């Protein structure tokens, strides 16, 4: 049965072993090889033929930045997940890596017994499965089957496989607290056992003038948003709010990197920021974002409320706020991402009469969030990533 092969590149033997143990204990993943710097990694790629690469930034001989430049020069298209420091300088360099073609990133755990190891392991396995599956499917021109682990049962919850992976290094987590059905896990990865057709929601009212655009996105989002925002209409009348699942400490630099390529202003949202034409606001890591319409202006609020769907910021929180404040005078967009965050409330937006778009399966790194939204009947039209900016521009212009 096929598995996703991972090349681990880090100069620290401790980190190579730590990442290796996470991979070894995750069904569907295996270690292709390990390398202590970028130069060794380039030599090993033709030999081990990995589906995805985990890459450190700071390494001797050839660091992560130099590796990405050489990878681009050689035309290597294997997806790369960066191991990033949470420090300010680390976030800046991480965004440079994304600009050089890295697919995504995960923050480094501080050690095998650190309190953040569970979250890091869960995030890492999510990215490896998402990007690795997409690449392997394209490489082999056939679906890659993630094996069903023996602990799956019909009565369990859908997140347990990743939960098991995230607790793989804990001595007390030898048995999962909950388990999930095979069909639920396939759906989580965007690989449903059976295709479903959404029954469209019947809106309570006709769509009106669009005053706001709201976007929810997760796995695959950093590069997808770069693709969309570089081609966004510089004369767009409507402001844009974005929830991208990303750790705290990175969203400010992420917004800055988008601002460098986007014809509109892009910034990390602050409490009380005015929602206005020509501005894109990115939800800060670990903060929900909501909107409030006031007599003179619409402003954003940031919230420390509990996670929703396992996330803060949550796309559902943003979409729910937009549905309440704007009803039929908004455009909701849900894009690539694992799980179901945003699906329920973009469906509510559609029920209120808002316009809605979803990224299609072929162009999604993980067809999870947009798939669930489509199946719930909340998506008017599914769009390929390459056409998303054009479609947003068109709908926004026609209903300005």
Protein backbone atom coordinates (compact mmCIF):
# COMPACT_ATOMS: atom_id res chain seq x y z
CA UNK A 1 0.00 0.00 0.00
CA UNK A 2 1.40 3.45 -0.92
CA UNK A 3 2.82 5.78 1.69
CA UNK A 4 4.16 9.33 1.61
CA UNK A 5 7.98 9.39 1.73
CA UNK A 6 9.68 12.24 3.61
CA UNK A 7 13.25 13.55 3.35
CA UNK A 8 14.34 15.19 6.64
CA UNK A 9 17.01 17.91 6.30
CA UNK A 10 18.42 19.38 9.54
CA UNK A 11 21.91 19.75 10.97
CA UNK A 12 20.69 18.76 14.43
CA UNK A 13 20.68 15.01 15.05
CA UNK A 14 18.15 15.60 17.83
CA UNK A 15 15.75 17.36 15.47
CA UNK A 16 16.22 14.75 12.73
CA UNK A 17 15.36 12.03 15.24
CA UNK A 18 12.44 13.99 16.67
CA UNK A 19 10.87 14.62 13.27
CA UNK A 20 11.68 11.04 12.26
CA UNK A 21 9.81 9.62 15.23
CA UNK A 22 6.75 11.69 14.40
CA UNK A 23 6.84 10.37 10.83
CA UNK A 24 7.45 6.75 11.83
CA UNK A 25 4.49 6.75 14.21
CA UNK A 26 2.08 8.28 11.70
CA UNK A 27 0.22 5.78 9.47
CA UNK A 28 0.71 6.67 5.81
CA UNK A 29 4.11 8.35 6.28
CA UNK A 30 7.63 6.92 6.05
CA UNK A 31 11.17 8.31 6.14
CA UNK A 32 12.80 8.39 2.70
CA UNK A 33 16.16 9.52 4.09
CA UNK A 34 17.85 12.11 6.31
CA UNK A 35 20.42 14.79 5.48
CA UNK A 36 22.43 17.19 7.65
CA UNK A 37 22.42 20.12 5.20
CA UNK A 38 21.09 21.27 1.85
CA UNK A 39 24.07 19.99 -0.14
CA UNK A 40 23.59 16.43 1.12
CA UNK A 41 19.84 16.75 0.51
CA UNK A 42 20.37 17.65 -3.15
CA UNK A 43 22.60 14.61 -3.56
CA UNK A 44 20.07 12.31 -1.91
CA UNK A 45 16.93 13.48 -3.73
CA UNK A 46 17.56 11.41 -6.92
CA UNK A 47 18.32 8.36 -4.78
CA UNK A 48 15.41 8.41 -2.32
CA UNK A 49 12.85 10.17 -4.56
CA UNK A 50 10.84 11.78 -1.71
CA UNK A 51 7.27 13.05 -1.94
CA UNK A 52 7.90 15.93 0.47
CA UNK A 53 10.89 17.53 2.22
CA UNK A 54 11.16 18.85 5.78
CA UNK A 55 13.84 21.56 5.72
CA UNK A 56 15.64 23.47 8.47
CA UNK A 57 16.68 27.05 7.74
CA UNK A 58 19.97 27.46 9.64
CA UNK A 59 22.48 24.80 8.52
CA UNK A 60 26.20 24.76 7.68
CA UNK A 61 27.57 24.35 4.12
CA UNK A 62 24.17 24.99 2.47
CA UNK A 63 21.33 26.51 4.50
CA UNK A 64 17.62 26.43 3.77
CA UNK A 65 17.59 29.65 1.73
CA UNK A 66 20.48 28.45 -0.43
CA UNK A 67 18.83 25.06 -0.89
CA UNK A 68 15.57 26.65 -2.07
CA UNK A 69 17.44 28.81 -4.58
CA UNK A 70 19.29 25.78 -5.95
CA UNK A 71 16.07 23.75 -5.94
CA UNK A 72 14.43 26.42 -8.09
CA UNK A 73 17.47 26.59 -10.42
CA UNK A 74 17.35 22.84 -10.95
CA UNK A 75 13.59 22.77 -11.49
CA UNK A 76 12.90 20.46 -8.53
CA UNK A 77 9.20 20.67 -7.69
CA UNK A 78 9.05 18.46 -4.57
CA UNK A 79 7.11 20.39 -1.89
CA UNK A 80 9.16 21.75 1.01
CA UNK A 81 7.93 22.27 4.59
CA UNK A 82 10.17 24.61 6.58
CA UNK A 83 11.14 24.13 10.22
CA UNK A 84 10.97 27.68 11.53
CA UNK A 85 12.00 29.55 14.63
CA UNK A 86 9.23 31.53 16.30
CA UNK A 87 11.57 34.48 16.87
CA UNK A 88 10.96 37.73 14.98
CA UNK A 89 13.93 37.11 12.67
CA UNK A 90 12.70 33.55 12.14
CA UNK A 91 9.32 34.75 10.88
CA UNK A 92 10.95 37.14 8.41
CA UNK A 93 13.24 34.43 7.01
CA UNK A 94 10.31 32.00 6.85
CA UNK A 95 8.40 34.40 4.61
CA UNK A 96 11.50 34.71 2.41
CA UNK A 97 11.46 30.90 2.12
CA UNK A 98 7.82 30.99 0.98
CA UNK A 99 8.75 33.59 -1.62
CA UNK A 100 11.49 31.22 -2.85
CA UNK A 101 9.01 28.39 -3.34
CA UNK A 102 8.66 26.64 0.02
CA UNK A 103 5.13 25.31 0.41
CA UNK A 104 4.48 25.92 4.10
CA UNK A 105 6.13 25.88 7.51
CA UNK A 106 5.86 24.56 11.04
CA UNK A 107 7.46 25.98 14.17
CA UNK A 108 10.26 23.93 15.67
CA UNK A 109 9.47 22.11 18.91
CA UNK A 110 11.83 22.93 21.74
CA UNK A 111 12.37 19.25 22.55
CA UNK A 112 10.72 15.84 22.82
CA UNK A 113 9.23 16.69 26.23
CA UNK A 114 8.28 20.29 25.43
CA UNK A 115 4.67 21.38 25.99
CA UNK A 116 4.31 22.37 22.33
CA UNK A 117 5.33 19.01 20.86
CA UNK A 118 1.76 17.77 20.44
CA UNK A 119 0.62 20.81 18.47
CA UNK A 120 3.78 20.83 16.36
CA UNK A 121 3.46 17.13 15.55
CA UNK A 122 -0.19 17.48 14.58
CA UNK A 123 0.54 20.45 12.34
CA UNK A 124 3.56 18.75 10.77
CA UNK A 125 1.70 15.54 9.95
CA UNK A 126 -1.17 17.56 8.49
CA UNK A 127 1.22 19.38 6.16
CA UNK A 128 3.20 16.28 5.21
CA UNK A 129 0.06 14.30 4.38
CA UNK A 130 -1.55 17.20 2.52
CA UNK A 131 1.40 18.26 0.37
CA UNK A 132 2.89 14.78 0.04
CA UNK A 133 -0.36 13.23 -1.13
CA UNK A 134 -0.90 15.96 -3.70
CA UNK A 135 2.63 15.65 -5.07
CA UNK A 136 2.62 11.83 -5.12
CA UNK A 137 -0.74 11.77 -6.89
CA UNK A 138 0.60 14.10 -9.55
CA UNK A 139 3.89 12.22 -9.83
CA UNK A 140 2.30 8.79 -10.15
CA UNK A 141 -0.85 9.97 -11.94
CA UNK A 142 -2.95 7.91 -9.60
CA UNK A 143 -4.46 8.38 -6.16
CA UNK A 144 -2.23 7.75 -3.15
CA UNK A 145 -4.07 5.65 -0.59
CA UNK A 146 -3.55 6.50 3.04
CA UNK A 147 -3.75 3.18 4.94
CA UNK A 148 -6.47 2.70 7.50
CA UNK A 149 -4.82 2.23 10.89
CA UNK A 150 -5.98 -0.67 13.02
CA UNK A 151 -7.32 1.58 15.76
CA UNK A 152 -10.01 3.14 13.53
CA UNK A 153 -13.58 2.30 14.54
CA UNK A 154 -16.98 3.36 13.30
CA UNK A 155 -17.96 5.17 16.48
CA UNK A 156 -15.03 7.52 16.76
CA UNK A 157 -14.26 11.18 16.12
CA UNK A 158 -12.79 12.44 12.81
CA UNK A 159 -9.61 14.03 14.13
CA UNK A 160 -8.07 11.10 15.96
CA UNK A 161 -5.43 10.04 13.44
CA UNK A 162 -3.79 13.43 13.54
CA UNK A 163 -4.33 13.53 17.28
CA UNK A 164 -2.53 10.20 17.56
CA UNK A 165 0.33 11.57 15.48
CA UNK A 166 0.52 14.70 17.61
CA UNK A 167 0.79 12.65 20.79
CA UNK A 168 3.16 10.09 19.32
CA UNK A 169 6.07 11.28 21.45
CA UNK A 170 4.12 11.22 24.70
CA UNK A 171 4.62 8.17 26.89
CA UNK A 172 1.03 8.41 28.06
CA UNK A 173 -0.45 8.48 24.59
CA UNK A 174 0.10 4.90 23.50
CA UNK A 175 -3.61 4.45 22.91
CA UNK A 176 -5.72 7.18 21.29
CA UNK A 177 -8.36 8.83 23.41
CA UNK A 178 -10.75 8.68 20.49
CA UNK A 179 -10.77 7.09 17.06
CA UNK A 180 -12.29 7.82 13.70
CA UNK A 181 -14.01 6.03 10.85
CA UNK A 182 -12.08 5.45 7.66
CA UNK A 183 -14.56 7.52 5.70
CA UNK A 184 -14.21 10.44 8.10
CA UNK A 185 -10.43 10.42 7.81
CA UNK A 186 -10.57 10.17 4.03
CA UNK A 187 -12.87 13.17 4.02
CA UNK A 188 -10.52 15.07 6.32
CA UNK A 189 -7.74 14.62 3.77
CA UNK A 190 -9.97 15.56 0.88
CA UNK A 191 -10.09 11.96 -0.36
CA UNK A 192 -13.71 10.97 0.08
CA UNK A 193 -14.57 7.34 -0.54
CA UNK A 194 -17.62 8.48 -2.45
CA UNK A 195 -18.31 11.70 -4.34
CA UNK A 196 -21.18 13.71 -2.95
CA UNK A 197 -23.13 16.43 -4.68
CA UNK A 198 -24.15 19.40 -2.62
CA UNK A 199 -27.82 20.33 -2.45
CA UNK A 200 -27.77 24.10 -2.92
CA UNK A 201 -29.02 26.23 -0.06
CA UNK A 202 -32.10 28.31 -0.87
CA UNK A 203 -31.20 31.90 0.14
CA UNK A 204 -33.59 33.92 2.28
CA UNK A 205 -33.10 36.91 -0.01
CA UNK A 206 -31.48 37.79 -3.32
CA UNK A 207 -27.86 38.85 -3.39
CA UNK A 208 -27.35 42.57 -3.00
CA UNK A 209 -24.51 45.01 -3.45
CA UNK A 210 -21.27 43.45 -2.20
CA UNK A 211 -19.71 45.56 0.54
CA UNK A 212 -17.17 43.08 1.95
CA UNK A 213 -15.19 40.00 0.89
CA UNK A 214 -14.29 37.34 3.48
CA UNK A 215 -11.78 34.53 2.81
CA UNK A 216 -11.11 31.40 4.90
CA UNK A 217 -8.12 29.19 4.08
CA UNK A 218 -5.74 26.72 5.74
CA UNK A 219 -3.31 24.05 4.45
CA UNK A 220 -1.85 25.30 1.18
CA UNK A 221 -2.93 28.83 1.98
CA UNK A 222 0.32 30.83 2.04
CA UNK A 223 1.11 30.23 -1.62
CA UNK A 224 -2.55 30.18 -2.69
CA UNK A 225 -3.08 33.65 -1.25
CA UNK A 226 0.03 34.89 -3.02
CA UNK A 227 -1.46 33.58 -6.26
CA UNK A 228 -4.78 35.34 -5.65
CA UNK A 229 -3.55 38.66 -4.30
CA UNK A 230 -0.92 39.30 -6.95
CA UNK A 231 -3.76 39.38 -9.51
CA UNK A 232 -6.43 41.10 -7.44
CA UNK A 233 -8.04 44.18 -9.05
CA UNK A 234 -6.17 47.32 -7.90
CA UNK A 235 -9.48 49.21 -8.17
CA UNK A 236 -11.46 46.71 -6.09
CA UNK A 237 -14.25 48.55 -4.28
CA UNK A 238 -14.65 46.07 -1.43
CA UNK A 239 -12.30 45.51 1.52
CA UNK A 240 -11.12 41.94 2.20
CA UNK A 241 -10.80 40.08 5.50
CA UNK A 242 -8.75 36.86 5.65
CA UNK A 243 -8.48 34.00 8.10
CA UNK A 244 -5.37 31.95 7.31
CA UNK A 245 -4.58 29.29 9.91
CA UNK A 246 -1.11 30.36 11.02
CA UNK A 247 0.73 30.51 14.37
CA UNK A 248 1.03 33.72 16.35
CA UNK A 249 4.21 35.60 15.53
CA UNK A 250 4.08 34.94 11.79
CA UNK A 251 0.99 36.72 10.48
CA UNK A 252 2.51 40.21 10.58
CA UNK A 253 5.43 39.15 8.38
CA UNK A 254 3.04 37.12 6.21
CA UNK A 255 0.89 40.22 5.65
CA UNK A 256 4.01 42.24 4.85
CA UNK A 257 5.12 39.67 2.28
CA UNK A 258 1.70 39.77 0.62
CA UNK A 259 1.78 43.56 0.68
CA UNK A 260 4.94 43.45 -1.45
CA UNK A 261 3.16 41.66 -4.33
CA UNK A 262 -0.43 42.90 -3.99
CA UNK A 263 -1.73 46.12 -5.59
CA UNK A 264 -3.86 46.70 -2.47
CA UNK A 265 -2.68 47.41 1.07
CA UNK A 266 -2.24 44.20 3.08
CA UNK A 267 -1.70 44.33 6.84
CA UNK A 268 -2.16 42.26 9.95
CA UNK A 269 -5.43 43.29 11.58
CA UNK A 270 -5.34 45.27 14.83
CA UNK A 271 -8.21 45.79 17.26
CA UNK A 272 -10.43 48.60 15.98
CA UNK A 273 -8.96 48.72 12.46
CA UNK A 274 -11.29 50.37 9.95
CA UNK A 275 -12.58 48.13 7.16
CA UNK A 276 -12.17 50.24 4.05
CA UNK A 277 -11.69 50.18 0.29
CA UNK A 278 -8.22 49.21 -0.86
CA UNK A 279 -7.33 47.33 2.32
CA UNK A 280 -6.86 43.62 3.05
CA UNK A 281 -6.73 42.64 6.73
CA UNK A 282 -5.17 39.33 7.82
CA UNK A 283 -6.36 37.84 11.13
CA UNK A 284 -3.47 37.67 13.62
CA UNK A 285 -2.29 34.24 14.73
CA UNK A 286 -4.18 33.01 17.80
CA UNK A 287 -6.88 35.71 17.50
CA UNK A 288 -10.39 35.40 16.10
CA UNK A 289 -11.47 38.28 13.85
CA UNK A 290 -15.00 39.71 13.69
CA UNK A 291 -16.63 42.75 12.08
CA UNK A 292 -18.96 45.37 13.54
CA UNK A 293 -20.87 47.90 11.45
CA UNK A 294 -21.04 51.29 13.15
CA UNK A 295 -22.80 54.46 11.92
CA UNK A 296 -19.60 56.02 10.57
CA UNK A 297 -17.50 52.97 9.69
CA UNK A 298 -17.09 49.22 9.95
CA UNK A 299 -14.35 48.08 12.30
CA UNK A 300 -12.76 44.76 13.23
CA UNK A 301 -12.59 43.21 16.66
CA UNK A 302 -10.06 40.62 17.78
CA UNK A 303 -11.08 37.92 20.23
CA UNK A 304 -9.38 35.44 22.56
CA UNK A 305 -12.50 33.27 22.71
CA UNK A 306 -12.03 29.50 22.67
CA UNK A 307 -10.90 27.76 19.50
CA UNK A 308 -13.58 26.77 17.05
CA UNK A 309 -13.11 23.65 14.93
CA UNK A 310 -9.69 23.41 16.55
CA UNK A 311 -8.57 26.82 15.32
CA UNK A 312 -8.01 30.38 16.46
CA UNK A 313 -8.40 32.31 14.23
CA UNK A 314 -11.36 30.38 12.86
CA UNK A 315 -12.93 30.95 9.45
CA UNK A 316 -16.31 30.03 10.96
CA UNK A 317 -16.05 32.91 13.44
CA UNK A 318 -15.32 35.39 10.63
CA UNK A 319 -18.04 34.05 8.31
CA UNK A 320 -20.60 34.00 11.13
CA UNK A 321 -19.85 37.64 11.91
CA UNK A 322 -20.12 38.63 8.24
CA UNK A 323 -23.42 36.74 7.86
CA UNK A 324 -24.87 38.63 10.84
CA UNK A 325 -23.57 42.08 9.91
CA UNK A 326 -23.83 42.00 6.10
CA UNK A 327 -26.40 39.29 5.27
CA UNK A 328 -26.71 39.37 1.44
CA UNK A 329 -24.17 42.16 0.90
CA UNK A 330 -20.98 40.11 1.03
CA UNK A 331 -18.86 37.58 -0.84
CA UNK A 332 -17.52 34.55 1.02
CA UNK A 333 -14.61 32.49 -0.32
CA UNK A 334 -13.42 29.18 1.18
CA UNK A 335 -10.19 27.68 -0.07
CA UNK A 336 -7.75 24.82 0.40
CA UNK A 337 -7.53 23.36 3.89
CA UNK A 338 -7.89 20.25 6.00
CA UNK A 339 -10.99 19.70 8.08
CA UNK A 340 -14.22 21.68 8.00
CA UNK A 341 -13.50 25.11 9.48
CA UNK A 342 -15.59 27.75 7.72
CA UNK A 343 -17.94 25.31 6.00
CA UNK A 344 -20.95 25.75 8.30
CA UNK A 345 -20.84 29.53 8.41
CA UNK A 346 -20.10 30.17 4.75
CA UNK A 347 -23.23 28.08 4.22
CA UNK A 348 -25.02 30.44 6.59
CA UNK A 349 -23.69 33.37 4.56
CA UNK A 350 -25.22 31.80 1.47
CA UNK A 351 -28.48 31.25 3.34
CA UNK A 352 -28.55 34.97 4.13
CA UNK A 353 -28.15 35.73 0.42
CA UNK A 354 -24.40 36.34 0.19
CA UNK A 355 -22.40 35.24 -2.83
CA UNK A 356 -20.02 32.32 -2.25
CA UNK A 357 -17.06 30.68 -3.99
CA UNK A 358 -15.09 27.53 -3.16
CA UNK A 359 -11.74 26.34 -4.46
CA UNK A 360 -12.05 23.24 -6.61
CA UNK A 361 -10.63 19.81 -5.77
CA UNK A 362 -7.98 19.70 -8.46
CA UNK A 363 -6.20 22.89 -7.38
CA UNK A 364 -6.59 22.43 -3.59
CA UNK A 365 -3.64 21.05 -1.65
CA UNK A 366 -6.24 19.52 0.65
CA UNK A 367 -9.84 19.46 -0.57
CA UNK A 368 -11.32 19.43 2.92
CA UNK A 369 -12.82 22.79 3.93
CA UNK A 370 -14.17 23.68 0.45
CA UNK A 371 -15.45 20.14 -0.06
CA UNK A 372 -17.49 20.16 3.16
CA UNK A 373 -18.89 23.60 2.33
CA UNK A 374 -19.89 22.39 -1.12
CA UNK A 375 -21.54 19.28 0.25
CA UNK A 376 -23.50 21.43 2.72
CA UNK A 377 -24.85 23.42 -0.23
CA UNK A 378 -23.10 26.64 0.71
CA UNK A 379 -21.04 27.12 -2.44
CA UNK A 380 -22.45 28.73 -5.56
CA UNK A 381 -19.43 28.02 -7.75
CA UNK A 382 -16.22 26.01 -7.46
CA UNK A 383 -13.19 27.72 -8.99
CA UNK A 384 -9.61 26.66 -9.80
CA UNK A 385 -6.89 28.56 -7.97
CA UNK A 386 -5.54 30.02 -11.22
CA UNK A 387 -8.97 31.58 -11.87
CA UNK A 388 -9.85 32.63 -8.32
CA UNK A 389 -8.58 36.23 -8.52
CA UNK A 390 -10.35 36.74 -11.85
CA UNK A 391 -13.61 35.34 -10.46
CA UNK A 392 -13.43 37.46 -7.30
CA UNK A 393 -12.70 40.55 -9.40
CA UNK A 394 -15.61 39.79 -11.74
CA UNK A 395 -18.22 39.18 -9.02
CA UNK A 396 -17.06 42.16 -6.97
CA UNK A 397 -17.17 44.45 -10.00
CA UNK A 398 -20.61 43.26 -11.14
CA UNK A 399 -22.11 43.78 -7.69
CA UNK A 400 -20.21 46.87 -6.53
